[in-house]
């Protein structure tokens, strides 16, 4: 049997009060629909069909997963939505149905749901809830066999006491799915075609409903409001924090670290509060990261220290580097071992060599910086001429004096020194001192300008004029 996936993602999400389709709202920096698609991908399906409706063009534009699209132009219920995705479903297919606004289901849970499906069984993901309000209830007979599902608005007072609830997710063979959907009707309080109605039909036809339960209730929690979105964000982030700590990372406050993508960590890492990891990151052994840092798609070598309030984006740091505080490393900044980037320094598309230092208030962009180079405070590589970017090269053991401007393209030869306050526009040979300052002048008898004396109470003078 081949596996095919149907994901329902056509709802508007009115309670979100947003122009954006509900399924595109993010949890941990990724849309809820993308989370679901990543989860079901673990089943290695032959195809995944996403049923869209409201904001369909936005959904198509944002989602890059290899999916097929089905349109639900009228919102006539979940059963009607699945009917739009039946094209391409073969009788022998094993079909798993998921929801685009239920983002945190574990791959293991999808696998368990998938595996109970057969020609004689229908898989159903249910959860026991302390408060099942709003969820359909699982109805069982005296022998605890599932006989059907009743929606909240159609349930009797006795049925509302049932705590086993329907997640909406199920697995079913293709021929059964097509047959049952052709037989459901909209004779209910909402006048909609409920997907849940297929279970009573399955029981009547002699099929067994095999229930699967998630490890945690939040795996089946859907999002209908921004409050619920925020709740799932916190659950997800605490789960990520727990994984980090289990892997040997010290978090000063697990509630104040956000992980918005895959992260690979060594041991004995220390992370202070309000650190945000975006994209894919790798953190080596013994790294220390200060408070309020944002790190995106970066590799940080063992023993490196990131001081507070630093921003790293698409950077590679060697071992035992120091960055910050208040440093910004932009894409393609590469630091070799023992390099140091200090406070209020910006590095962009530059290689910083072993033991080199850019300590204060400097910008180094489109540059090759050799080993043991010292870049003084206020140094700027003038890499942009208004149309094109140009390269600055500082060879090994160069010393750049404070407040210097290096106008690219330019090469500073090995061992050379640039005097403070210089503007360098031509290449400097090795082991030279280059200075371009104006000659200092002193003027005798010069008097510093004095402030003009003003009325101590000008407002009173105004009153006199008015009077």
Protein backbone atom coordinates (compact mmCIF):
# COMPACT_ATOMS: atom_id res chain seq x y z
CA UNK A 1 0.00 0.00 0.00
CA UNK A 2 1.28 3.45 -0.89
CA UNK A 3 0.81 6.38 1.47
CA UNK A 4 -0.85 9.62 0.47
CA UNK A 5 -1.51 12.66 2.65
CA UNK A 6 -4.39 15.12 2.66
CA UNK A 7 -3.95 18.33 4.69
CA UNK A 8 -6.97 20.57 5.22
CA UNK A 9 -5.96 24.23 5.11
CA UNK A 10 -8.86 26.13 3.54
CA UNK A 11 -10.26 27.93 6.60
CA UNK A 12 -10.23 31.70 6.93
CA UNK A 13 -9.58 31.87 10.66
CA UNK A 14 -11.96 34.73 11.41
CA UNK A 15 -10.98 34.93 15.08
CA UNK A 16 -7.37 35.63 14.09
CA UNK A 17 -8.54 39.02 12.76
CA UNK A 18 -5.91 38.93 10.03
CA UNK A 19 -5.64 39.42 6.29
CA UNK A 20 -3.30 36.44 6.27
CA UNK A 21 -4.71 32.90 6.08
CA UNK A 22 -4.72 31.24 9.49
CA UNK A 23 -2.39 28.40 8.48
CA UNK A 24 0.34 30.89 7.52
CA UNK A 25 0.64 32.32 11.02
CA UNK A 26 3.93 31.28 12.54
CA UNK A 27 5.01 29.10 15.43
CA UNK A 28 8.76 29.32 16.10
CA UNK A 29 9.41 31.27 12.94
CA UNK A 30 7.64 28.80 10.63
CA UNK A 31 4.05 28.70 9.41
CA UNK A 32 1.71 26.23 11.08
CA UNK A 33 1.11 24.59 7.70
CA UNK A 34 4.86 24.13 7.18
CA UNK A 35 5.09 22.44 10.60
CA UNK A 36 2.36 19.99 9.58
CA UNK A 37 3.96 19.28 6.22
CA UNK A 38 7.29 18.58 7.92
CA UNK A 39 5.55 16.22 10.32
CA UNK A 40 3.75 14.14 7.70
CA UNK A 41 6.85 14.04 5.49
CA UNK A 42 8.26 11.50 7.95
CA UNK A 43 5.75 9.00 6.51
CA UNK A 44 7.50 9.21 3.11
CA UNK A 45 4.22 9.71 1.22
CA UNK A 46 3.91 9.31 -2.53
CA UNK A 47 1.99 12.59 -2.60
CA UNK A 48 0.69 15.28 -0.27
CA UNK A 49 -2.39 17.27 -1.25
CA UNK A 50 -3.20 20.51 0.54
CA UNK A 51 -6.79 21.72 0.38
CA UNK A 52 -6.84 25.51 0.22
CA UNK A 53 -9.54 28.14 -0.05
CA UNK A 54 -9.27 31.46 1.75
CA UNK A 55 -6.09 33.29 0.73
CA UNK A 56 -5.09 30.46 -1.56
CA UNK A 57 -2.60 32.56 -3.52
CA UNK A 58 -0.80 33.59 -0.35
CA UNK A 59 -0.57 29.97 0.73
CA UNK A 60 0.81 28.88 -2.65
CA UNK A 61 3.42 31.63 -2.57
CA UNK A 62 4.72 30.91 0.92
CA UNK A 63 4.74 27.12 0.98
CA UNK A 64 7.76 25.62 -0.77
CA UNK A 65 7.15 21.98 0.13
CA UNK A 66 6.51 19.58 -2.79
CA UNK A 67 2.72 19.43 -2.56
CA UNK A 68 -0.31 19.26 -4.82
CA UNK A 69 -3.11 21.78 -4.40
CA UNK A 70 -6.88 21.28 -4.25
CA UNK A 71 -9.37 24.15 -4.06
CA UNK A 72 -12.38 24.33 -1.77
CA UNK A 73 -14.27 27.32 -3.12
CA UNK A 74 -17.22 26.88 -0.74
CA UNK A 75 -16.78 26.23 2.97
CA UNK A 76 -19.20 23.32 3.36
CA UNK A 77 -17.42 21.34 6.06
CA UNK A 78 -14.47 19.00 6.53
CA UNK A 79 -16.08 16.16 4.59
CA UNK A 80 -16.62 18.45 1.63
CA UNK A 81 -13.00 19.65 1.91
CA UNK A 82 -11.61 16.12 1.70
CA UNK A 83 -13.81 15.43 -1.33
CA UNK A 84 -11.88 18.12 -3.20
CA UNK A 85 -8.65 16.13 -2.71
CA UNK A 86 -9.83 12.70 -3.91
CA UNK A 87 -8.36 13.09 -7.38
CA UNK A 88 -5.36 10.83 -7.54
CA UNK A 89 -6.38 8.72 -4.52
CA UNK A 90 -6.32 5.04 -5.52
CA UNK A 91 -8.43 2.38 -3.84
CA UNK A 92 -5.45 0.66 -2.24
CA UNK A 93 -3.80 3.84 -0.96
CA UNK A 94 -3.35 4.39 2.74
CA UNK A 95 -4.57 7.96 3.30
CA UNK A 96 -3.62 10.07 6.33
CA UNK A 97 -5.68 13.21 6.89
CA UNK A 98 -4.17 16.08 8.91
CA UNK A 99 -5.01 19.74 9.60
CA UNK A 100 -2.97 22.79 8.68
CA UNK A 101 -3.73 24.60 11.93
CA UNK A 102 -2.56 21.78 14.24
CA UNK A 103 1.21 22.36 14.08
CA UNK A 104 2.81 20.37 16.91
CA UNK A 105 1.91 16.74 16.20
CA UNK A 106 4.97 14.54 16.61
CA UNK A 107 6.16 12.44 13.65
CA UNK A 108 5.93 9.40 15.95
CA UNK A 109 2.23 10.08 16.45
CA UNK A 110 1.63 10.34 12.71
CA UNK A 111 3.49 7.05 12.29
CA UNK A 112 1.33 5.28 14.87
CA UNK A 113 -1.84 6.60 13.22
CA UNK A 114 -0.60 5.49 9.81
CA UNK A 115 0.30 1.99 10.96
CA UNK A 116 -3.12 1.01 12.38
CA UNK A 117 -4.84 1.55 9.04
CA UNK A 118 -5.73 -1.50 6.96
CA UNK A 119 -8.42 -2.87 4.70
CA UNK A 120 -10.43 -3.76 7.81
CA UNK A 121 -9.59 -0.86 10.10
CA UNK A 122 -9.79 2.91 10.17
CA UNK A 123 -7.26 4.77 12.32
CA UNK A 124 -8.45 7.61 14.55
CA UNK A 125 -6.32 9.95 16.67
CA UNK A 126 -8.14 10.74 19.91
CA UNK A 127 -7.12 12.45 23.13
CA UNK A 128 -8.49 12.47 26.66
CA UNK A 129 -9.01 16.07 27.76
CA UNK A 130 -9.87 17.65 31.10
CA UNK A 131 -11.94 20.20 29.20
CA UNK A 132 -13.08 18.89 25.78
CA UNK A 133 -15.30 21.89 25.06
CA UNK A 134 -15.48 22.52 21.33
CA UNK A 135 -14.25 19.06 20.35
CA UNK A 136 -16.24 16.17 18.94
CA UNK A 137 -16.77 13.32 21.43
CA UNK A 138 -15.83 9.69 20.82
CA UNK A 139 -18.85 7.44 21.29
CA UNK A 140 -18.17 3.84 22.35
CA UNK A 141 -20.42 0.86 23.00
CA UNK A 142 -20.54 -1.35 26.10
CA UNK A 143 -17.47 -3.23 24.86
CA UNK A 144 -15.51 0.05 24.45
CA UNK A 145 -15.59 -0.21 20.67
CA UNK A 146 -15.87 3.10 18.82
CA UNK A 147 -19.27 3.49 17.22
CA UNK A 148 -19.03 7.07 16.02
CA UNK A 149 -18.22 10.67 16.74
CA UNK A 150 -20.67 13.36 17.75
CA UNK A 151 -19.89 17.03 17.28
CA UNK A 152 -20.24 19.40 20.25
CA UNK A 153 -23.27 21.21 18.81
CA UNK A 154 -25.07 17.96 18.08
CA UNK A 155 -24.21 16.17 21.34
CA UNK A 156 -26.69 15.31 24.06
CA UNK A 157 -26.10 16.33 27.67
CA UNK A 158 -24.85 12.83 28.43
CA UNK A 159 -22.50 12.79 25.44
CA UNK A 160 -21.03 16.13 26.50
CA UNK A 161 -19.67 14.41 29.60
CA UNK A 162 -17.37 12.25 27.47
CA UNK A 163 -13.73 13.33 27.83
CA UNK A 164 -12.29 11.35 24.91
CA UNK A 165 -12.16 13.84 22.07
CA UNK A 166 -11.62 13.76 18.33
CA UNK A 167 -8.46 15.35 16.98
CA UNK A 168 -9.80 15.24 13.43
CA UNK A 169 -6.78 13.28 12.21
CA UNK A 170 -7.34 9.82 10.78
CA UNK A 171 -5.99 7.14 8.47
CA UNK A 172 -8.13 5.18 6.04
CA UNK A 173 -7.82 3.11 2.90
CA UNK A 174 -8.63 4.97 -0.31
CA UNK A 175 -11.64 2.90 -1.42
CA UNK A 176 -13.29 3.23 1.99
CA UNK A 177 -12.70 6.98 2.06
CA UNK A 178 -14.29 7.55 -1.34
CA UNK A 179 -17.23 5.30 -0.52
CA UNK A 180 -18.03 6.87 2.85
CA UNK A 181 -17.69 10.45 1.61
CA UNK A 182 -20.22 9.72 -1.14
CA UNK A 183 -22.73 8.66 1.52
CA UNK A 184 -22.53 11.44 4.15
CA UNK A 185 -25.07 14.27 4.31
CA UNK A 186 -25.36 17.70 5.95
CA UNK A 187 -28.31 16.93 8.22
CA UNK A 188 -26.83 18.57 11.32
CA UNK A 189 -26.86 21.82 13.28
CA UNK A 190 -24.23 23.42 11.05
CA UNK A 191 -25.63 22.05 7.80
CA UNK A 192 -22.13 20.94 6.88
CA UNK A 193 -20.66 17.71 5.57
CA UNK A 194 -18.74 16.35 8.56
CA UNK A 195 -15.75 14.13 7.94
CA UNK A 196 -16.51 12.54 11.31
CA UNK A 197 -19.71 11.01 9.91
CA UNK A 198 -17.65 8.42 8.06
CA UNK A 199 -16.94 6.56 11.32
CA UNK A 200 -20.52 5.48 11.95
CA UNK A 201 -20.67 4.33 8.33
CA UNK A 202 -17.44 2.40 8.80
CA UNK A 203 -18.81 0.65 11.89
CA UNK A 204 -22.05 -0.18 10.06
CA UNK A 205 -20.00 -1.76 7.28
CA UNK A 206 -18.15 -3.95 9.75
CA UNK A 207 -14.86 -2.03 9.95
CA UNK A 208 -13.05 -1.57 13.25
CA UNK A 209 -12.06 1.88 14.48
CA UNK A 210 -8.54 1.67 15.92
CA UNK A 211 -7.75 4.63 18.16
CA UNK A 212 -4.29 6.08 18.66
CA UNK A 213 -3.42 8.56 21.41
CA UNK A 214 -0.71 11.22 21.36
CA UNK A 215 1.86 11.41 24.12
CA UNK A 216 0.75 14.95 25.01
CA UNK A 217 -2.51 16.82 24.60
CA UNK A 218 -0.82 19.76 22.90
CA UNK A 219 -0.01 17.54 19.90
CA UNK A 220 -3.61 17.83 18.75
CA UNK A 221 -4.21 21.44 19.83
CA UNK A 222 -5.48 23.59 16.97
CA UNK A 223 -5.26 27.35 16.62
CA UNK A 224 -8.29 29.56 16.18
CA UNK A 225 -7.05 32.76 17.85
CA UNK A 226 -3.86 34.63 18.53
CA UNK A 227 -4.13 33.65 22.18
CA UNK A 228 -4.05 29.98 21.23
CA UNK A 229 -1.19 30.69 18.83
CA UNK A 230 0.81 32.25 21.67
CA UNK A 231 0.04 29.31 23.94
CA UNK A 232 1.40 26.82 21.39
CA UNK A 233 4.45 29.00 20.84
CA UNK A 234 5.28 28.78 24.55
CA UNK A 235 4.69 25.04 24.62
CA UNK A 236 6.94 24.54 21.62
CA UNK A 237 9.68 26.76 23.03
CA UNK A 238 9.67 24.96 26.37
CA UNK A 239 9.97 21.66 24.50
CA UNK A 240 12.98 23.04 22.60
CA UNK A 241 14.53 24.33 25.80
CA UNK A 242 14.14 20.93 27.42
CA UNK A 243 15.90 19.26 24.49
CA UNK A 244 18.80 21.72 24.77
CA UNK A 245 19.19 21.11 28.49
CA UNK A 246 18.98 17.34 28.03
CA UNK A 247 21.84 17.67 25.52
CA UNK A 248 24.15 19.43 27.98
CA UNK A 249 23.26 23.11 27.51
CA UNK A 250 22.82 25.44 30.50
CA UNK A 251 19.93 27.89 30.05
CA UNK A 252 19.83 30.69 32.60
CA UNK A 253 16.06 30.85 32.13
CA UNK A 254 14.44 28.19 29.90
CA UNK A 255 11.37 30.41 29.49
CA UNK A 256 13.46 33.15 27.87
CA UNK A 257 15.21 31.36 25.01
CA UNK A 258 13.56 30.99 21.60
CA UNK A 259 14.60 28.33 19.09
CA UNK A 260 13.13 28.96 15.64
CA UNK A 261 14.77 26.23 13.64
CA UNK A 262 17.12 23.24 13.92
CA UNK A 263 20.03 23.66 16.32
CA UNK A 264 22.99 21.35 16.84
CA UNK A 265 24.81 21.75 20.15
CA UNK A 266 27.88 20.45 21.91
CA UNK A 267 28.22 20.23 25.68
CA UNK A 268 28.87 22.74 28.47
CA UNK A 269 27.28 25.57 26.51
CA UNK A 270 25.89 28.49 28.52
CA UNK A 271 23.07 30.63 27.16
CA UNK A 272 21.80 33.71 28.98
CA UNK A 273 18.29 35.17 28.78
CA UNK A 274 16.43 36.50 25.73
CA UNK A 275 18.59 34.75 23.15
CA UNK A 276 16.85 33.93 19.86
CA UNK A 277 18.08 31.28 17.42
CA UNK A 278 16.67 31.51 13.88
CA UNK A 279 17.20 29.16 10.97
CA UNK A 280 19.80 26.40 11.28
CA UNK A 281 22.59 26.86 13.81
CA UNK A 282 25.54 24.84 15.12
CA UNK A 283 27.04 25.64 18.53
CA UNK A 284 30.31 24.04 19.63
CA UNK A 285 31.45 22.83 23.06
CA UNK A 286 31.96 25.40 25.78
CA UNK A 287 30.39 28.33 23.92
CA UNK A 288 28.99 31.16 26.06
CA UNK A 289 26.25 33.40 24.69
CA UNK A 290 25.26 36.55 26.54
CA UNK A 291 21.83 38.05 26.98
CA UNK A 292 19.72 39.54 24.19
CA UNK A 293 21.59 38.01 21.24
CA UNK A 294 19.98 37.00 17.93
CA UNK A 295 21.79 34.24 16.04
CA UNK A 296 20.67 33.19 12.56
CA UNK A 297 22.02 30.40 10.33
CA UNK A 298 25.44 30.48 11.95
CA UNK A 299 28.24 28.14 13.06
CA UNK A 300 29.99 28.98 16.34
CA UNK A 301 33.21 27.15 17.16
CA UNK A 302 34.14 25.65 20.51
CA UNK A 303 35.11 28.00 23.31
CA UNK A 304 33.80 31.13 21.59
CA UNK A 305 32.16 33.87 23.65
CA UNK A 306 29.30 35.98 22.30
CA UNK A 307 28.86 38.98 24.55
CA UNK A 308 25.38 40.51 25.18
CA UNK A 309 23.30 42.32 22.57
CA UNK A 310 25.13 40.94 19.53
CA UNK A 311 23.57 39.99 16.19
CA UNK A 312 24.96 37.16 14.05
CA UNK A 313 23.50 36.32 10.64
CA UNK A 314 24.89 33.63 8.32
CA UNK A 315 28.31 33.76 9.94
CA UNK A 316 31.04 31.22 10.71
CA UNK A 317 33.11 31.63 13.85
CA UNK A 318 36.22 29.60 14.65
CA UNK A 319 37.28 28.40 18.07
CA UNK A 320 37.94 30.69 21.04
CA UNK A 321 36.68 33.85 19.34
CA UNK A 322 35.15 36.80 21.17
CA UNK A 323 32.28 38.83 19.73
CA UNK A 324 30.59 41.89 21.21
CA UNK A 325 28.98 43.30 23.17
CA UNK A 326 26.76 45.14 20.68
CA UNK A 327 28.47 43.65 17.63
CA UNK A 328 26.80 42.87 14.32
CA UNK A 329 28.11 40.13 12.07
CA UNK A 330 26.32 40.14 8.74
CA UNK A 331 26.19 37.40 6.07
CA UNK A 332 29.50 35.83 5.03
CA UNK A 333 31.42 37.12 8.01
CA UNK A 334 34.00 34.44 8.79
CA UNK A 335 36.23 34.55 11.86
CA UNK A 336 39.28 32.32 12.24
CA UNK A 337 40.36 30.97 15.63
CA UNK A 338 41.04 33.52 18.40
CA UNK A 339 39.70 36.46 16.40
CA UNK A 340 38.07 39.26 18.35
CA UNK A 341 35.22 41.55 17.30
CA UNK A 342 34.43 44.22 19.87
CA UNK A 343 31.64 46.61 20.76
CA UNK A 344 29.73 48.48 18.06
CA UNK A 345 31.63 46.76 15.25
CA UNK A 346 29.96 45.61 12.04
CA UNK A 347 31.47 42.91 9.82
CA UNK A 348 30.03 41.99 6.41
CA UNK A 349 31.33 39.54 3.81
CA UNK A 350 34.78 39.53 5.35
CA UNK A 351 37.32 36.93 6.45
CA UNK A 352 39.02 37.84 9.72
CA UNK A 353 42.27 35.94 10.27
CA UNK A 354 43.70 34.07 13.25
CA UNK A 355 44.18 36.31 16.28
CA UNK A 356 43.05 39.46 14.48
CA UNK A 357 41.13 42.17 16.33
CA UNK A 358 38.52 44.71 15.34
CA UNK A 359 37.75 46.05 18.77
CA UNK A 360 35.76 49.28 18.64
CA UNK A 361 33.31 51.25 16.53
CA UNK A 362 34.44 49.99 13.13
CA UNK A 363 32.99 48.72 9.87
CA UNK A 364 34.79 46.04 7.86
CA UNK A 365 33.01 44.89 4.71
CA UNK A 366 34.07 43.03 1.55
CA UNK A 367 37.48 42.43 3.07
CA UNK A 368 40.26 39.89 3.54
CA UNK A 369 41.94 40.44 6.89
CA UNK A 370 45.05 38.38 7.56
CA UNK A 371 46.43 36.96 10.80
CA UNK A 372 47.30 39.11 13.84
CA UNK A 373 45.88 42.26 12.33
CA UNK A 374 44.81 45.10 14.64
CA UNK A 375 42.08 47.38 13.34
CA UNK A 376 41.81 50.55 15.41
CA UNK A 377 38.67 52.26 16.66
CA UNK A 378 36.57 54.06 14.09
CA UNK A 379 38.13 52.36 11.07
CA UNK A 380 35.96 52.07 7.97
CA UNK A 381 36.49 50.05 4.81
CA UNK A 382 34.91 52.24 2.16
CA UNK A 383 33.72 49.36 0.00
CA UNK A 384 30.85 50.92 -1.98
CA UNK A 385 31.27 53.59 -4.66
CA UNK A 386 27.56 54.13 -5.15
CA UNK A 387 27.25 51.45 -7.82
CA UNK A 388 29.65 48.58 -7.08
CA UNK A 389 31.32 46.90 -4.11
CA UNK A 390 35.11 46.72 -3.91
CA UNK A 391 37.54 44.67 -1.83
CA UNK A 392 39.95 45.67 0.92
CA UNK A 393 42.90 43.42 1.75
CA UNK A 394 44.86 43.70 5.00
CA UNK A 395 47.72 41.26 5.00
CA UNK A 396 49.24 39.60 8.10
CA UNK A 397 50.48 41.76 11.01
CA UNK A 398 48.96 44.98 9.69
CA UNK A 399 48.15 47.74 12.22
CA UNK A 400 45.41 50.20 11.34
CA UNK A 401 45.37 53.37 13.42
CA UNK A 402 42.12 54.76 14.80
CA UNK A 403 39.72 56.77 12.68
CA UNK A 404 41.14 55.57 9.38
CA UNK A 405 39.29 55.16 6.10
CA UNK A 406 40.47 52.51 3.63
CA UNK A 407 39.02 53.32 0.21
CA UNK A 408 38.60 50.09 -1.75
CA UNK A 409 39.93 48.54 -3.85
CA UNK A 410 43.06 48.72 -1.75
CA UNK A 411 45.69 46.36 -0.30
CA UNK A 412 47.67 47.04 2.87
CA UNK A 413 50.87 45.03 2.70
CA UNK A 414 52.17 42.67 5.36
CA UNK A 415 53.48 44.32 8.50
CA UNK A 416 52.45 47.84 7.47
CA UNK A 417 51.06 50.51 9.77
CA UNK A 418 48.40 53.08 8.93
CA UNK A 419 48.65 56.23 11.01
CA UNK A 420 45.55 57.29 12.90
CA UNK A 421 43.19 59.56 11.02
CA UNK A 422 44.46 58.56 7.57
CA UNK A 423 42.43 58.11 4.40
CA UNK A 424 44.16 55.46 2.31
CA UNK A 425 43.33 55.46 -1.40
CA UNK A 426 46.35 53.58 -2.82
CA UNK A 427 48.01 50.25 -2.03
CA UNK A 428 50.57 50.29 0.78
CA UNK A 429 53.72 48.17 0.42
CA UNK A 430 54.78 45.73 3.13
CA UNK A 431 56.44 47.04 6.32
CA UNK A 432 55.64 50.69 5.55
CA UNK A 433 54.05 53.49 7.57
CA UNK A 434 51.34 55.31 5.64
CA UNK A 435 50.05 58.64 6.97
CA UNK A 436 47.75 61.07 5.16
CA UNK A 437 46.98 63.63 7.87
CA UNK A 438 46.90 67.35 7.22
CA UNK A 439 49.64 69.35 8.92
CA UNK A 440 48.67 70.59 12.39
CA UNK A 441 48.51 74.39 12.78
CA UNK A 442 48.38 76.61 15.88
CA UNK A 443 47.07 80.21 15.90
CA UNK A 444 48.25 82.69 18.52
CA UNK A 445 45.79 85.11 20.08
CA UNK A 446 42.71 83.24 18.99
CA UNK A 447 39.62 83.91 21.12
CA UNK A 448 36.94 81.35 21.58
CA UNK A 449 33.44 82.65 20.70
CA UNK A 450 31.30 83.61 23.70
CA UNK A 451 27.60 83.10 24.15
CA UNK A 452 25.49 86.23 23.85
CA UNK A 453 23.93 87.32 27.12
CA UNK A 454 20.15 86.88 27.13
CA UNK A 455 17.39 88.07 29.46
CA UNK A 456 17.16 85.72 32.43
CA UNK A 457 13.37 85.75 32.14
CA UNK A 458 12.40 86.30 28.50
CA UNK A 459 8.84 85.22 29.24
CA UNK A 460 8.40 88.17 31.58
CA UNK A 461 9.59 90.51 28.83
CA UNK A 462 6.96 89.08 26.50
CA UNK A 463 4.25 89.76 29.08
CA UNK A 464 5.42 93.39 29.27
CA UNK A 465 5.09 93.76 25.51
CA UNK A 466 1.63 92.24 25.55
CA UNK A 467 0.52 94.47 28.40
